[in-house]
Amino acid sequence: MSEQRTTDITPGPGGVMTDEVGVVTGDLTLRTEVDDTGGVVQRVQYKDADEWYVVTGSRATIADSRDIDAIHAQAVALLHRPSG
């Protein structure tokens, strides 16, 4: 993994859908990763847990790994809804 960004989030009432375990809710950490091949994926974990889960629909290929900041910021803006 060549690049990654993390932010603690609290999703709204619907939580975050993951590929592995379905919906997760509560205090989470969101991580956006870009690998050496230009693939990007977003994962969430329960805050301070060991397991990470892929956010459903978050895998993509990007042309420039420098776009990670914009991609991560957009995901945080969409998923972080502490007020519901």
PDB file of N, CA and C in Angstrom:
ATOM      1  N   MET A   1       0.853  -1.176   0.000  1.00  0.00           N
ATOM      2  CA  MET A   1       0.000   0.000   0.000  1.00  0.00           C
ATOM      3  C   MET A   1       0.890   1.227   0.000  1.00  0.00           C
ATOM      4  N   SER A   2       0.701   2.108  -0.975  1.00  0.00           N
ATOM      5  CA  SER A   2       1.594   3.241  -1.072  1.00  0.00           C
ATOM      6  C   SER A   2       1.069   4.504  -0.399  1.00  0.00           C
ATOM      7  N   GLU A   3      -0.214   4.701  -0.381  1.00  0.00           N
ATOM      8  CA  GLU A   3      -0.811   5.914   0.211  1.00  0.00           C
ATOM      9  C   GLU A   3      -2.047   5.529   0.995  1.00  0.00           C
ATOM     10  N   GLN A   4      -2.282   6.233   2.105  1.00  0.00           N
ATOM     11  CA  GLN A   4      -3.533   6.047   2.826  1.00  0.00           C
ATOM     12  C   GLN A   4      -3.844   7.279   3.657  1.00  0.00           C
ATOM     13  N   ARG A   5      -5.132   7.482   3.897  1.00  0.00           N
ATOM     14  CA  ARG A   5      -5.619   8.565   4.759  1.00  0.00           C
ATOM     15  C   ARG A   5      -6.650   7.952   5.714  1.00  0.00           C
ATOM     16  N   THR A   6      -6.695   8.423   6.948  1.00  0.00           N
ATOM     17  CA  THR A   6      -7.697   7.937   7.896  1.00  0.00           C
ATOM     18  C   THR A   6      -8.353   9.109   8.617  1.00  0.00           C
ATOM     19  N   THR A   7      -9.639   8.915   8.932  1.00  0.00           N
ATOM     20  CA  THR A   7     -10.421   9.901   9.670  1.00  0.00           C
ATOM     21  C   THR A   7     -11.449   9.158  10.502  1.00  0.00           C
ATOM     22  N   ASP A   8     -11.618   9.579  11.748  1.00  0.00           N
ATOM     23  CA  ASP A   8     -12.687   9.032  12.577  1.00  0.00           C
ATOM     24  C   ASP A   8     -14.007   9.661  12.149  1.00  0.00           C
ATOM     25  N   ILE A   9     -15.041   8.825  12.031  1.00  0.00           N
ATOM     26  CA  ILE A   9     -16.354   9.293  11.589  1.00  0.00           C
ATOM     27  C   ILE A   9     -17.442   8.671  12.461  1.00  0.00           C
ATOM     28  N   THR A  10     -18.585   9.307  12.444  1.00  0.00           N
ATOM     29  CA  THR A  10     -19.801   8.745  13.033  1.00  0.00           C
ATOM     30  C   THR A  10     -20.875   8.839  11.949  1.00  0.00           C
ATOM     31  N   PRO A  11     -21.264   7.708  11.361  1.00  0.00           N
ATOM     32  CA  PRO A  11     -22.250   7.750  10.282  1.00  0.00           C
ATOM     33  C   PRO A  11     -23.651   8.049  10.819  1.00  0.00           C
ATOM     34  N   GLY A  12     -24.531   8.408   9.909  1.00  0.00           N
ATOM     35  CA  GLY A  12     -25.925   8.645  10.264  1.00  0.00           C
ATOM     36  C   GLY A  12     -26.640   7.352  10.612  1.00  0.00           C
ATOM     37  N   PRO A  13     -27.958   7.417  10.789  1.00  0.00           N
ATOM     38  CA  PRO A  13     -28.745   6.269  11.233  1.00  0.00           C
ATOM     39  C   PRO A  13     -28.626   5.023  10.354  1.00  0.00           C
ATOM     40  N   GLY A  14     -28.324   5.173   9.068  1.00  0.00           N
ATOM     41  CA  GLY A  14     -28.212   4.014   8.183  1.00  0.00           C
ATOM     42  C   GLY A  14     -26.880   3.300   8.264  1.00  0.00           C
ATOM     43  N   GLY A  15     -25.896   3.890   8.948  1.00  0.00           N
ATOM     44  CA  GLY A  15     -24.585   3.285   9.071  1.00  0.00           C
ATOM     45  C   GLY A  15     -23.829   3.273   7.752  1.00  0.00           C
ATOM     46  N   VAL A  16     -22.837   2.396   7.665  1.00  0.00           N
ATOM     47  CA  VAL A  16     -22.014   2.229   6.466  1.00  0.00           C
ATOM     48  C   VAL A  16     -22.118   0.778   6.032  1.00  0.00           C
ATOM     49  N   MET A  17     -22.477   0.541   4.763  1.00  0.00           N
ATOM     50  CA  MET A  17     -22.578  -0.823   4.234  1.00  0.00           C
ATOM     51  C   MET A  17     -21.187  -1.332   3.887  1.00  0.00           C
ATOM     52  N   THR A  18     -20.893  -2.564   4.332  1.00  0.00           N
ATOM     53  CA  THR A  18     -19.606  -3.184   4.028  1.00  0.00           C
ATOM     54  C   THR A  18     -19.826  -4.501   3.296  1.00  0.00           C
ATOM     55  N   ASP A  19     -18.798  -4.921   2.561  1.00  0.00           N
ATOM     56  CA  ASP A  19     -18.881  -6.177   1.816  1.00  0.00           C
ATOM     57  C   ASP A  19     -18.888  -7.387   2.745  1.00  0.00           C
ATOM     58  N   GLU A  20     -18.143  -7.310   3.824  1.00  0.00           N
ATOM     59  CA  GLU A  20     -17.939  -8.491   4.671  1.00  0.00           C
ATOM     60  C   GLU A  20     -19.030  -8.732   5.714  1.00  0.00           C
ATOM     61  N   VAL A  21     -19.508  -7.681   6.361  1.00  0.00           N
ATOM     62  CA  VAL A  21     -20.416  -7.874   7.497  1.00  0.00           C
ATOM     63  C   VAL A  21     -21.715  -7.086   7.400  1.00  0.00           C
ATOM     64  N   GLY A  22     -21.984  -6.473   6.246  1.00  0.00           N
ATOM     65  CA  GLY A  22     -23.196  -5.668   6.125  1.00  0.00           C
ATOM     66  C   GLY A  22     -22.994  -4.299   6.752  1.00  0.00           C
ATOM     67  N   VAL A  23     -24.033  -3.783   7.399  1.00  0.00           N
ATOM     68  CA  VAL A  23     -24.010  -2.426   7.945  1.00  0.00           C
ATOM     69  C   VAL A  23     -23.244  -2.374   9.260  1.00  0.00           C
ATOM     70  N   VAL A  24     -22.371  -1.359   9.370  1.00  0.00           N
ATOM     71  CA  VAL A  24     -21.707  -1.071  10.641  1.00  0.00           C
ATOM     72  C   VAL A  24     -22.126   0.326  11.077  1.00  0.00           C
ATOM     73  N   THR A  25     -22.278   0.507  12.371  1.00  0.00           N
ATOM     74  CA  THR A  25     -22.740   1.778  12.926  1.00  0.00           C
ATOM     75  C   THR A  25     -21.862   2.154  14.110  1.00  0.00           C
ATOM     76  N   GLY A  26     -22.079   3.356  14.606  1.00  0.00           N
ATOM     77  CA  GLY A  26     -21.332   3.806  15.782  1.00  0.00           C
ATOM     78  C   GLY A  26     -20.072   4.555  15.396  1.00  0.00           C
ATOM     79  N   ASP A  27     -19.165   4.657  16.343  1.00  0.00           N
ATOM     80  CA  ASP A  27     -17.912   5.367  16.104  1.00  0.00           C
ATOM     81  C   ASP A  27     -16.993   4.487  15.262  1.00  0.00           C
ATOM     82  N   LEU A  28     -16.614   4.999  14.090  1.00  0.00           N
ATOM     83  CA  LEU A  28     -15.822   4.240  13.130  1.00  0.00           C
ATOM     84  C   LEU A  28     -14.592   5.031  12.714  1.00  0.00           C
ATOM     85  N   THR A  29     -13.654   4.321  12.110  1.00  0.00           N
ATOM     86  CA  THR A  29     -12.520   4.954  11.436  1.00  0.00           C
ATOM     87  C   THR A  29     -12.621   4.590   9.963  1.00  0.00           C
ATOM     88  N   LEU A  30     -12.529   5.597   9.109  1.00  0.00           N
ATOM     89  CA  LEU A  30     -12.549   5.414   7.660  1.00  0.00           C
ATOM     90  C   LEU A  30     -11.122   5.536   7.147  1.00  0.00           C
ATOM     91  N   ARG A  31     -10.714   4.563   6.328  1.00  0.00           N
ATOM     92  CA  ARG A  31      -9.378   4.603   5.720  1.00  0.00           C
ATOM     93  C   ARG A  31      -9.520   4.502   4.205  1.00  0.00           C
ATOM     94  N   THR A  32      -8.893   5.422   3.481  1.00  0.00           N
ATOM     95  CA  THR A  32      -8.826   5.386   2.029  1.00  0.00           C
ATOM     96  C   THR A  32      -7.413   4.961   1.662  1.00  0.00           C
ATOM     97  N   GLU A  33      -7.295   3.915   0.838  1.00  0.00           N
ATOM     98  CA  GLU A  33      -5.990   3.374   0.466  1.00  0.00           C
ATOM     99  C   GLU A  33      -5.822   3.426  -1.046  1.00  0.00           C
ATOM    100  N   VAL A  34      -4.630   3.792  -1.491  1.00  0.00           N
ATOM    101  CA  VAL A  34      -4.264   3.693  -2.901  1.00  0.00           C
ATOM    102  C   VAL A  34      -3.066   2.762  -2.967  1.00  0.00           C
ATOM    103  N   ASP A  35      -3.169   1.708  -3.782  1.00  0.00           N
ATOM    104  CA  ASP A  35      -2.050   0.771  -3.900  1.00  0.00           C
ATOM    105  C   ASP A  35      -1.127   1.168  -5.052  1.00  0.00           C
ATOM    106  N   ASP A  36      -0.079   0.411  -5.253  1.00  0.00           N
ATOM    107  CA  ASP A  36       0.920   0.736  -6.274  1.00  0.00           C
ATOM    108  C   ASP A  36       0.407   0.609  -7.700  1.00  0.00           C
ATOM    109  N   THR A  37      -0.745  -0.022  -7.897  1.00  0.00           N
ATOM    110  CA  THR A  37      -1.290  -0.191  -9.244  1.00  0.00           C
ATOM    111  C   THR A  37      -2.326   0.873  -9.586  1.00  0.00           C
ATOM    112  N   GLY A  38      -2.584   1.806  -8.670  1.00  0.00           N
ATOM    113  CA  GLY A  38      -3.571   2.846  -8.921  1.00  0.00           C
ATOM    114  C   GLY A  38      -4.978   2.462  -8.497  1.00  0.00           C
ATOM    115  N   GLY A  39      -5.094   1.359  -7.764  1.00  0.00           N
ATOM    116  CA  GLY A  39      -6.394   0.970  -7.231  1.00  0.00           C
ATOM    117  C   GLY A  39      -6.663   1.693  -5.922  1.00  0.00           C
ATOM    118  N   VAL A  40      -7.893   2.118  -5.734  1.00  0.00           N
ATOM    119  CA  VAL A  40      -8.280   2.775  -4.495  1.00  0.00           C
ATOM    120  C   VAL A  40      -9.415   1.980  -3.867  1.00  0.00           C
ATOM    121  N   VAL A  41      -9.403   1.901  -2.536  1.00  0.00           N
ATOM    122  CA  VAL A  41     -10.468   1.232  -1.794  1.00  0.00           C
ATOM    123  C   VAL A  41     -10.623   1.950  -0.460  1.00  0.00           C
ATOM    124  N   GLN A  42     -11.849   1.943   0.025  1.00  0.00           N
ATOM    125  CA  GLN A  42     -12.109   2.534   1.338  1.00  0.00           C
ATOM    126  C   GLN A  42     -12.557   1.432   2.274  1.00  0.00           C
ATOM    127  N   ARG A  43     -12.041   1.506   3.498  1.00  0.00           N
ATOM    128  CA  ARG A  43     -12.363   0.518   4.522  1.00  0.00           C
ATOM    129  C   ARG A  43     -12.792   1.251   5.780  1.00  0.00           C
ATOM    130  N   VAL A  44     -13.607   0.572   6.585  1.00  0.00           N
ATOM    131  CA  VAL A  44     -13.980   1.106   7.888  1.00  0.00           C
ATOM    132  C   VAL A  44     -13.696   0.055   8.946  1.00  0.00           C
ATOM    133  N   GLN A  45     -13.499   0.543  10.145  1.00  0.00           N
ATOM    134  CA  GLN A  45     -13.362  -0.334  11.298  1.00  0.00           C
ATOM    135  C   GLN A  45     -14.068   0.339  12.473  1.00  0.00           C
ATOM    136  N   TYR A  46     -14.534  -0.491  13.410  1.00  0.00           N
ATOM    137  CA  TYR A  46     -14.998   0.092  14.656  1.00  0.00           C
ATOM    138  C   TYR A  46     -13.789   0.759  15.295  1.00  0.00           C
ATOM    139  N   LYS A  47     -13.975   1.949  15.823  1.00  0.00           N
ATOM    140  CA  LYS A  47     -12.857   2.728  16.349  1.00  0.00           C
ATOM    141  C   LYS A  47     -11.981   1.880  17.270  1.00  0.00           C
ATOM    142  N   ASP A  48     -10.701   1.852  16.949  1.00  0.00           N
ATOM    143  CA  ASP A  48      -9.671   1.146  17.713  1.00  0.00           C
ATOM    144  C   ASP A  48      -9.768  -0.376  17.654  1.00  0.00           C
ATOM    145  N   ALA A  49     -10.563  -0.929  16.749  1.00  0.00           N
ATOM    146  CA  ALA A  49     -10.634  -2.386  16.578  1.00  0.00           C
ATOM    147  C   ALA A  49      -9.500  -2.837  15.656  1.00  0.00           C
ATOM    148  N   ASP A  50      -9.353  -4.139  15.495  1.00  0.00           N
ATOM    149  CA  ASP A  50      -8.318  -4.689  14.621  1.00  0.00           C
ATOM    150  C   ASP A  50      -8.817  -4.941  13.203  1.00  0.00           C
ATOM    151  N   GLU A  51     -10.090  -5.292  13.044  1.00  0.00           N
ATOM    152  CA  GLU A  51     -10.629  -5.698  11.747  1.00  0.00           C
ATOM    153  C   GLU A  51     -11.049  -4.492  10.912  1.00  0.00           C
ATOM    154  N   TRP A  52     -10.721  -4.566   9.618  1.00  0.00           N
ATOM    155  CA  TRP A  52     -11.143  -3.558   8.652  1.00  0.00           C
ATOM    156  C   TRP A  52     -12.111  -4.211   7.678  1.00  0.00           C
ATOM    157  N   TYR A  53     -13.129  -3.450   7.229  1.00  0.00           N
ATOM    158  CA  TYR A  53     -14.136  -3.946   6.293  1.00  0.00           C
ATOM    159  C   TYR A  53     -14.203  -3.022   5.086  1.00  0.00           C
ATOM    160  N   VAL A  54     -14.307  -3.592   3.894  1.00  0.00           N
ATOM    161  CA  VAL A  54     -14.389  -2.805   2.662  1.00  0.00           C
ATOM    162  C   VAL A  54     -15.759  -2.147   2.569  1.00  0.00           C
ATOM    163  N   VAL A  55     -15.772  -0.837   2.343  1.00  0.00           N
ATOM    164  CA  VAL A  55     -17.017  -0.099   2.131  1.00  0.00           C
ATOM    165  C   VAL A  55     -17.568  -0.534   0.770  1.00  0.00           C
ATOM    166  N   THR A  56     -18.797  -1.003   0.772  1.00  0.00           N
ATOM    167  CA  THR A  56     -19.417  -1.493  -0.451  1.00  0.00           C
ATOM    168  C   THR A  56     -19.409  -0.413  -1.538  1.00  0.00           C
ATOM    169  N   GLY A  57     -18.937  -0.792  -2.730  1.00  0.00           N
ATOM    170  CA  GLY A  57     -18.900   0.124  -3.865  1.00  0.00           C
ATOM    171  C   GLY A  57     -17.727   1.081  -3.879  1.00  0.00           C
ATOM    172  N   SER A  58     -16.762   0.899  -2.982  1.00  0.00           N
ATOM    173  CA  SER A  58     -15.684   1.889  -2.887  1.00  0.00           C
ATOM    174  C   SER A  58     -14.450   1.568  -3.718  1.00  0.00           C
ATOM    175  N   ARG A  59     -14.383   0.399  -4.334  1.00  0.00           N
ATOM    176  CA  ARG A  59     -13.189   0.060  -5.128  1.00  0.00           C
ATOM    177  C   ARG A  59     -13.237   0.770  -6.481  1.00  0.00           C
ATOM    178  N   ALA A  60     -12.098   1.332  -6.857  1.00  0.00           N
ATOM    179  CA  ALA A  60     -12.015   2.033  -8.144  1.00  0.00           C
ATOM    180  C   ALA A  60     -10.555   2.113  -8.574  1.00  0.00           C
ATOM    181  N   THR A  61     -10.353   2.521  -9.803  1.00  0.00           N
ATOM    182  CA  THR A  61      -9.022   2.808 -10.313  1.00  0.00           C
ATOM    183  C   THR A  61      -8.947   4.308 -10.552  1.00  0.00           C
ATOM    184  N   ILE A  62      -7.834   4.906 -10.154  1.00  0.00           N
ATOM    185  CA  ILE A  62      -7.678   6.345 -10.356  1.00  0.00           C
ATOM    186  C   ILE A  62      -6.441   6.598 -11.206  1.00  0.00           C
ATOM    187  N   ALA A  63      -6.438   7.706 -11.903  1.00  0.00           N
ATOM    188  CA  ALA A  63      -5.340   8.034 -12.808  1.00  0.00           C
ATOM    189  C   ALA A  63      -4.132   8.590 -12.060  1.00  0.00           C
ATOM    190  N   ASP A  64      -4.368   9.230 -10.923  1.00  0.00           N
ATOM    191  CA  ASP A  64      -3.272   9.885 -10.213  1.00  0.00           C
ATOM    192  C   ASP A  64      -3.454   9.672  -8.713  1.00  0.00           C
ATOM    193  N   SER A  65      -2.477   9.064  -8.066  1.00  0.00           N
ATOM    194  CA  SER A  65      -2.590   8.773  -6.639  1.00  0.00           C
ATOM    195  C   SER A  65      -2.673  10.036  -5.797  1.00  0.00           C
ATOM    196  N   ARG A  66      -2.301  11.172  -6.360  1.00  0.00           N
ATOM    197  CA  ARG A  66      -2.430  12.440  -5.622  1.00  0.00           C
ATOM    198  C   ARG A  66      -3.889  12.817  -5.392  1.00  0.00           C
ATOM    199  N   ASP A  67      -4.811  12.156  -6.066  1.00  0.00           N
ATOM    200  CA  ASP A  67      -6.238  12.422  -5.870  1.00  0.00           C
ATOM    201  C   ASP A  67      -6.772  11.824  -4.565  1.00  0.00           C
ATOM    202  N   ILE A  68      -5.929  11.113  -3.839  1.00  0.00           N
ATOM    203  CA  ILE A  68      -6.387  10.459  -2.610  1.00  0.00           C
ATOM    204  C   ILE A  68      -7.006  11.451  -1.631  1.00  0.00           C
ATOM    205  N   ASP A  69      -6.442  12.643  -1.505  1.00  0.00           N
ATOM    206  CA  ASP A  69      -6.991  13.613  -0.554  1.00  0.00           C
ATOM    207  C   ASP A  69      -8.423  14.003  -0.905  1.00  0.00           C
ATOM    208  N   ALA A  70      -8.676  14.254  -2.184  1.00  0.00           N
ATOM    209  CA  ALA A  70     -10.024  14.624  -2.623  1.00  0.00           C
ATOM    210  C   ALA A  70     -10.994  13.459  -2.454  1.00  0.00           C
ATOM    211  N   ILE A  71     -10.555  12.255  -2.789  1.00  0.00           N
ATOM    212  CA  ILE A  71     -11.412  11.078  -2.660  1.00  0.00           C
ATOM    213  C   ILE A  71     -11.757  10.842  -1.192  1.00  0.00           C
ATOM    214  N   HIS A  72     -10.764  10.933  -0.332  1.00  0.00           N
ATOM    215  CA  HIS A  72     -11.002  10.712   1.097  1.00  0.00           C
ATOM    216  C   HIS A  72     -11.918  11.799   1.673  1.00  0.00           C
ATOM    217  N   ALA A  73     -11.663  13.036   1.320  1.00  0.00           N
ATOM    218  CA  ALA A  73     -12.493  14.142   1.818  1.00  0.00           C
ATOM    219  C   ALA A  73     -13.944  13.981   1.385  1.00  0.00           C
ATOM    220  N   GLN A  74     -14.153  13.542   0.153  1.00  0.00           N
ATOM    221  CA  GLN A  74     -15.520  13.344  -0.329  1.00  0.00           C
ATOM    222  C   GLN A  74     -16.211  12.231   0.450  1.00  0.00           C
ATOM    223  N   ALA A  75     -15.502  11.132   0.716  1.00  0.00           N
ATOM    224  CA  ALA A  75     -16.095  10.033   1.478  1.00  0.00           C
ATOM    225  C   ALA A  75     -16.433  10.469   2.898  1.00  0.00           C
ATOM    226  N   VAL A  76     -15.545  11.218   3.517  1.00  0.00           N
ATOM    227  CA  VAL A  76     -15.823  11.724   4.874  1.00  0.00           C
ATOM    228  C   VAL A  76     -17.058  12.616   4.844  1.00  0.00           C
ATOM    229  N   ALA A  77     -17.146  13.501   3.850  1.00  0.00           N
ATOM    230  CA  ALA A  77     -18.298  14.403   3.747  1.00  0.00           C
ATOM    231  C   ALA A  77     -19.604  13.630   3.585  1.00  0.00           C
ATOM    232  N   LEU A  78     -19.561  12.516   2.859  1.00  0.00           N
ATOM    233  CA  LEU A  78     -20.771  11.718   2.642  1.00  0.00           C
ATOM    234  C   LEU A  78     -21.138  10.854   3.842  1.00  0.00           C
ATOM    235  N   LEU A  79     -20.141  10.319   4.524  1.00  0.00           N
ATOM    236  CA  LEU A  79     -20.406   9.314   5.562  1.00  0.00           C
ATOM    237  C   LEU A  79     -20.463   9.862   6.982  1.00  0.00           C
ATOM    238  N   HIS A  80     -19.782  10.970   7.249  1.00  0.00           N
ATOM    239  CA  HIS A  80     -19.737  11.503   8.620  1.00  0.00           C
ATOM    240  C   HIS A  80     -20.980  12.351   8.878  1.00  0.00           C
ATOM    241  N   ARG A  81     -21.914  11.778   9.617  1.00  0.00           N
ATOM    242  CA  ARG A  81     -23.196  12.438   9.909  1.00  0.00           C
ATOM    243  C   ARG A  81     -23.544  12.290  11.392  1.00  0.00           C
ATOM    244  N   PRO A  82     -22.729  12.892  12.278  1.00  0.00           N
ATOM    245  CA  PRO A  82     -22.958  12.693  13.704  1.00  0.00           C
ATOM    246  C   PRO A  82     -24.311  13.198  14.211  1.00  0.00           C
ATOM    247  N   SER A  83     -24.904  14.126  13.460  1.00  0.00           N
ATOM    248  CA  SER A  83     -26.216  14.665  13.882  1.00  0.00           C
ATOM    249  C   SER A  83     -27.368  13.920  13.230  1.00  0.00           C
ATOM    250  N   GLY A  84     -27.062  12.892  12.440  1.00  0.00           N
ATOM    251  CA  GLY A  84     -28.125  12.104  11.820  1.00  0.00           C
ATOM    252  C   GLY A  84     -28.418  12.434  10.411  1.00  0.00           C
TER     253      GLY A  84
END
